[in-house]
């Protein structure tokens, strides 16, 4: 079954993030993806995460599709104007990509090309509306298309404990749903209670909320996240990794416990971010009972 069919049927879906390489050697990316082909329903292909220049999401997604792997193409508003965005969407659909996820894109200052100029010809809601227009058979200039795309469309949503921020996030979620988004991935979340509270607040909205579980790779990584990023990792997890005789195995175990918790809470799926450790996916899924 396709990702869309599985979400529609209520089957728990497994998404995995796979980063395109910074260069033309795609062997590691392809090898990592094909190695877990039968365990993952679709691979989310980011478009230059953290504004770091890499092989494009479109190129990587099309390459993976040729290997029989279903993908979710990230469409980033930051780097292209409406002409290029529409052209990329037509190319993606014509070559077999059925799923897209619209993202605003990280600030250029976060990346490795500080002199690059942002485009942002369309904002996120405008991009979602553009996809709906194209699915209706016309481009943004009102010209008929010879064959219109039909995508499963996604976006992102932010889990938060702050009451004011949560109200704003839910309002934006409603706008994205109205604009055509049907599934949403969260930022990495490390607190089960916060996630459950968010699920209850979302309620019966027609949106598949798919939490992201990030595989921690070390105590240092956990400390860096807590010091520099909004997401926070419970100190209990950091202590567990510190005290373990096999820290890699403990990191895998923590990720698997969270994946299992996401399924138990009734979410329709999970996005696993292994941060380059795709070879740990089988162990995470096995330990989670999936």
Protein backbone atom coordinates (compact mmCIF):
# COMPACT_ATOMS: atom_id res chain seq x y z
CA UNK A 1 0.00 0.00 0.00
CA UNK A 2 1.05 3.58 -0.59
CA UNK A 3 1.60 6.07 2.23
CA UNK A 4 -1.74 7.70 1.43
CA UNK A 5 -3.56 4.36 1.52
CA UNK A 6 -1.98 3.42 4.83
CA UNK A 7 -2.89 6.73 6.45
CA UNK A 8 -6.43 6.42 5.12
CA UNK A 9 -6.80 2.86 6.39
CA UNK A 10 -5.51 3.74 9.85
CA UNK A 11 -2.40 1.58 9.61
CA UNK A 12 0.53 2.90 11.68
CA UNK A 13 3.06 4.38 9.25
CA UNK A 14 6.82 4.55 9.59
CA UNK A 15 8.60 7.48 7.97
CA UNK A 16 12.36 7.89 8.01
CA UNK A 17 14.32 11.04 7.26
CA UNK A 18 17.21 10.52 4.87
CA UNK A 19 19.60 13.38 4.12
CA UNK A 20 20.88 13.92 0.57
CA UNK A 21 24.69 14.04 0.33
CA UNK A 22 26.81 17.15 -0.01
CA UNK A 23 28.21 16.04 -3.33
CA UNK A 24 27.47 13.60 -6.14
CA UNK A 25 28.34 10.35 -4.35
CA UNK A 26 24.89 8.98 -3.50
CA UNK A 27 26.04 5.48 -2.56
CA UNK A 28 25.68 5.96 1.20
CA UNK A 29 22.21 7.49 0.88
CA UNK A 30 20.96 4.78 -1.48
CA UNK A 31 22.56 2.01 0.55
CA UNK A 32 21.06 3.28 3.80
CA UNK A 33 17.59 3.57 2.30
CA UNK A 34 17.55 0.25 0.46
CA UNK A 35 18.85 -1.46 3.59
CA UNK A 36 15.61 -0.68 5.44
CA UNK A 37 13.31 -0.73 2.41
CA UNK A 38 10.90 -3.29 3.85
CA UNK A 39 10.69 -1.56 7.24
CA UNK A 40 9.89 2.01 6.17
CA UNK A 41 6.74 3.20 4.39
CA UNK A 42 8.29 6.36 2.94
CA UNK A 43 11.49 8.37 3.16
CA UNK A 44 11.27 12.08 3.94
CA UNK A 45 13.91 13.85 1.85
CA UNK A 46 14.82 17.24 3.36
CA UNK A 47 15.58 20.25 1.19
CA UNK A 48 18.90 21.59 2.45
CA UNK A 49 18.29 21.27 6.19
CA UNK A 50 19.75 24.11 8.25
CA UNK A 51 20.34 26.00 4.95
CA UNK A 52 23.37 23.80 4.22
CA UNK A 53 23.89 23.24 0.48
CA UNK A 54 23.34 19.63 -0.55
CA UNK A 55 22.01 17.57 -3.42
CA UNK A 56 18.45 18.78 -3.95
CA UNK A 57 15.47 17.08 -2.41
CA UNK A 58 13.98 16.63 -5.88
CA UNK A 59 17.09 14.91 -7.23
CA UNK A 60 17.43 12.64 -4.22
CA UNK A 61 13.72 11.75 -4.15
CA UNK A 62 13.68 10.88 -7.84
CA UNK A 63 16.78 8.72 -7.40
CA UNK A 64 15.22 6.81 -4.51
CA UNK A 65 12.00 6.37 -6.49
CA UNK A 66 14.00 4.54 -9.19
CA UNK A 67 15.02 2.06 -6.47
CA UNK A 68 11.39 1.31 -5.68
CA UNK A 69 11.30 3.48 -2.54
CA UNK A 70 8.38 5.77 -1.80
CA UNK A 71 9.44 9.28 -0.85
CA UNK A 72 8.11 12.49 0.63
CA UNK A 73 9.58 15.43 -1.25
CA UNK A 74 10.20 18.54 0.80
CA UNK A 75 9.22 21.70 -1.07
CA UNK A 76 11.05 24.69 0.41
CA UNK A 77 9.75 28.22 -0.09
CA UNK A 78 13.10 29.80 0.76
CA UNK A 79 15.16 29.14 -2.37
CA UNK A 80 12.91 29.21 -5.45
CA UNK A 81 10.36 31.47 -7.08
CA UNK A 82 6.90 30.33 -8.15
CA UNK A 83 8.08 29.37 -11.63
CA UNK A 84 10.73 26.99 -10.33
CA UNK A 85 8.51 25.60 -7.58
CA UNK A 86 5.72 24.74 -10.00
CA UNK A 87 8.18 23.23 -12.46
CA UNK A 88 9.71 21.04 -9.75
CA UNK A 89 6.28 19.82 -8.66
CA UNK A 90 5.35 18.86 -12.21
CA UNK A 91 8.66 17.04 -12.65
CA UNK A 92 8.24 15.21 -9.35
CA UNK A 93 4.74 13.99 -10.18
CA UNK A 94 5.63 13.02 -13.75
CA UNK A 95 8.45 10.84 -12.40
CA UNK A 96 6.44 9.13 -9.69
CA UNK A 97 6.64 11.22 -6.52
CA UNK A 98 3.21 11.10 -4.87
CA UNK A 99 3.90 12.92 -1.57
CA UNK A 100 5.13 16.43 -0.84
CA UNK A 101 5.76 18.35 2.36
CA UNK A 102 5.84 22.13 2.26
CA UNK A 103 8.37 23.85 4.54
CA UNK A 104 9.38 27.47 4.95
CA UNK A 105 13.09 26.63 5.24
CA UNK A 106 15.68 27.52 7.85
CA UNK A 107 17.25 30.96 7.90
CA UNK A 108 20.22 31.37 5.54
CA UNK A 109 22.35 32.52 8.48
CA UNK A 110 22.09 28.99 9.96
CA UNK A 111 23.85 27.46 6.97
CA UNK A 112 27.12 27.45 5.05
CA UNK A 113 26.36 30.02 2.32
CA UNK A 114 25.79 33.24 4.26
CA UNK A 115 25.90 35.40 1.14
CA UNK A 116 23.02 33.52 -0.48
CA UNK A 117 19.82 35.48 -1.05
CA UNK A 118 16.49 34.13 0.12
CA UNK A 119 13.64 34.12 -2.38
CA UNK A 120 10.40 33.46 -0.49
CA UNK A 121 8.33 34.39 -3.53
CA UNK A 122 5.55 32.30 -1.97
CA UNK A 123 5.09 31.81 1.75
CA UNK A 124 4.05 28.47 3.16
CA UNK A 125 0.30 29.02 2.95
CA UNK A 126 0.62 30.43 -0.56
CA UNK A 127 2.64 27.37 -1.57
CA UNK A 128 -0.05 25.05 -0.22
CA UNK A 129 -2.65 27.06 -2.13
CA UNK A 130 -0.52 26.85 -5.28
CA UNK A 131 -0.47 23.05 -5.07
CA UNK A 132 -4.25 23.02 -4.74
CA UNK A 133 -4.53 25.30 -7.78
CA UNK A 134 -2.28 23.01 -9.81
CA UNK A 135 -4.27 19.97 -8.72
CA UNK A 136 -7.31 21.79 -10.09
CA UNK A 137 -5.68 21.87 -13.51
CA UNK A 138 -4.20 25.37 -13.76
CA UNK A 139 -0.90 27.04 -12.98
CA UNK A 140 -0.55 30.22 -10.95
CA UNK A 141 -0.93 32.31 -14.09
CA UNK A 142 -4.32 30.71 -14.70
CA UNK A 143 -3.14 28.68 -17.70
CA UNK A 144 -4.50 25.15 -18.17
CA UNK A 145 -2.09 22.32 -17.44
CA UNK A 146 -1.75 19.33 -19.75
CA UNK A 147 -2.12 16.82 -16.95
CA UNK A 148 -2.49 18.02 -13.37
CA UNK A 149 -0.62 16.64 -10.34
CA UNK A 150 -2.35 14.91 -7.44
CA UNK A 151 -0.30 14.82 -4.24
CA UNK A 152 -0.67 13.72 -0.66
CA UNK A 153 0.30 17.08 0.86
CA UNK A 154 1.95 17.61 4.21
CA UNK A 155 3.46 20.37 6.31
CA UNK A 156 4.92 20.79 9.79
CA UNK A 157 3.45 21.60 13.17
CA UNK A 158 5.19 22.63 16.38
CA UNK A 159 4.47 20.92 19.69
CA UNK A 160 4.65 23.36 22.60
CA UNK A 161 3.74 23.64 26.27
CA UNK A 162 3.27 27.40 26.13
CA UNK A 163 -0.46 28.24 26.14
CA UNK A 164 -0.16 31.30 23.92
CA UNK A 165 2.15 29.60 21.44
CA UNK A 166 -0.12 26.55 21.38
CA UNK A 167 -3.16 28.68 20.53
CA UNK A 168 -1.25 30.28 17.67
CA UNK A 169 0.07 26.93 16.46
CA UNK A 170 -3.42 25.43 16.36
CA UNK A 171 -4.73 28.45 14.47
CA UNK A 172 -1.96 28.03 11.91
CA UNK A 173 -2.68 24.31 11.77
CA UNK A 174 -6.27 25.10 10.81
CA UNK A 175 -5.04 27.44 8.08
CA UNK A 176 -2.75 24.76 6.67
CA UNK A 177 -5.55 22.19 6.71
CA UNK A 178 -7.83 24.63 4.88
CA UNK A 179 -5.04 25.16 2.33
CA UNK A 180 -4.85 21.45 1.59
CA UNK A 181 -2.35 19.85 3.99
CA UNK A 182 -3.42 16.42 5.22
CA UNK A 183 -0.49 15.21 7.31
CA UNK A 184 1.88 17.04 9.63
CA UNK A 185 5.23 16.11 11.12
CA UNK A 186 6.36 17.66 14.39
CA UNK A 187 9.77 18.84 15.46
CA UNK A 188 11.71 16.22 17.49
CA UNK A 189 9.90 15.77 20.80
CA UNK A 190 11.35 14.04 23.86
CA UNK A 191 8.51 14.30 26.36
CA UNK A 192 5.61 11.85 26.15
CA UNK A 193 3.30 13.92 28.38
CA UNK A 194 3.74 17.05 26.25
CA UNK A 195 3.02 15.05 23.13
CA UNK A 196 -0.15 13.54 24.60
CA UNK A 197 -1.41 16.96 25.71
CA UNK A 198 -0.83 18.27 22.19
CA UNK A 199 -2.71 15.33 20.67
CA UNK A 200 -5.70 16.08 22.87
CA UNK A 201 -5.64 19.75 21.86
CA UNK A 202 -5.60 18.84 18.16
CA UNK A 203 -8.74 16.80 18.77
CA UNK A 204 -10.77 15.66 15.76
CA UNK A 205 -9.17 17.92 13.18
CA UNK A 206 -8.79 16.16 9.79
CA UNK A 207 -5.03 15.99 10.07
CA UNK A 208 -2.63 13.10 10.62
CA UNK A 209 -0.12 14.31 13.24
CA UNK A 210 3.13 12.36 12.93
CA UNK A 211 5.61 12.98 15.78
CA UNK A 212 9.32 13.02 15.06
CA UNK A 213 11.60 10.84 17.15
CA UNK A 214 15.26 11.82 16.91
CA UNK A 215 17.96 9.28 17.66
CA UNK A 216 20.41 10.79 20.13
CA UNK A 217 24.00 9.88 19.32
CA UNK A 218 25.85 10.93 22.45
CA UNK A 219 25.69 12.80 25.74
CA UNK A 220 27.39 15.71 23.99
CA UNK A 221 24.64 15.88 21.40
CA UNK A 222 21.98 15.89 24.11
CA UNK A 223 23.79 18.64 26.03
CA UNK A 224 24.16 20.74 22.88
CA UNK A 225 20.46 20.45 22.08
CA UNK A 226 19.49 21.48 25.61
CA UNK A 227 21.87 24.44 25.54
CA UNK A 228 21.16 25.81 22.08
CA UNK A 229 17.76 24.61 20.88
CA UNK A 230 14.19 25.09 21.96
CA UNK A 231 13.49 21.38 22.24
CA UNK A 232 14.62 19.95 25.58
CA UNK A 233 15.79 16.44 26.41
CA UNK A 234 14.84 15.14 29.88
CA UNK A 235 17.83 14.85 32.17
CA UNK A 236 16.83 11.25 32.88
CA UNK A 237 17.70 10.34 29.28
CA UNK A 238 21.08 12.05 29.53
CA UNK A 239 21.83 10.19 32.76
CA UNK A 240 20.84 6.87 31.21
CA UNK A 241 23.26 7.39 28.34
CA UNK A 242 26.05 8.52 30.69
CA UNK A 243 25.72 5.47 32.94
CA UNK A 244 25.35 2.89 30.20
CA UNK A 245 28.22 0.54 29.39
CA UNK A 246 27.05 0.64 25.76
CA UNK A 247 25.99 4.20 25.02
CA UNK A 248 25.03 3.59 21.41
CA UNK A 249 22.73 0.76 22.41
CA UNK A 250 21.18 2.96 25.10
CA UNK A 251 20.51 5.72 22.57
CA UNK A 252 18.78 3.17 20.33
CA UNK A 253 16.76 1.90 23.29
CA UNK A 254 15.58 5.40 24.23
CA UNK A 255 14.47 6.06 20.65
CA UNK A 256 12.64 2.73 20.48
CA UNK A 257 10.80 3.43 23.73
CA UNK A 258 9.61 6.74 22.37
CA UNK A 259 8.50 5.19 19.07
CA UNK A 260 6.49 2.61 21.03
CA UNK A 261 4.97 5.37 23.16
CA UNK A 262 3.92 7.33 20.06
CA UNK A 263 2.08 4.29 18.71
CA UNK A 264 0.47 3.54 22.09
CA UNK A 265 -0.86 7.11 22.31
CA UNK A 266 -2.78 6.58 19.10
CA UNK A 267 -0.82 8.71 16.65
CA UNK A 268 -1.11 7.54 13.03
CA UNK A 269 2.60 7.19 12.54
CA UNK A 270 6.12 8.27 13.44
CA UNK A 271 8.97 10.02 11.65
CA UNK A 272 12.35 8.70 12.75
CA UNK A 273 15.34 11.00 12.36
CA UNK A 274 18.53 8.97 12.70
CA UNK A 275 20.88 11.87 11.88
CA UNK A 276 23.02 9.73 9.60
CA UNK A 277 22.68 6.52 11.58
CA UNK A 278 20.18 4.88 9.24
CA UNK A 279 21.79 1.51 10.00
CA UNK A 280 20.27 1.75 13.49
CA UNK A 281 16.70 1.85 12.13
CA UNK A 282 16.21 -1.96 12.22
CA UNK A 283 17.27 -2.07 15.87
CA UNK A 284 14.99 0.84 16.80
CA UNK A 285 11.97 -0.71 15.11
CA UNK A 286 12.66 -4.19 16.47
CA UNK A 287 13.02 -2.91 20.04
CA UNK A 288 9.78 -0.92 19.59
CA UNK A 289 7.97 -4.07 18.52
CA UNK A 290 7.34 -2.90 14.94
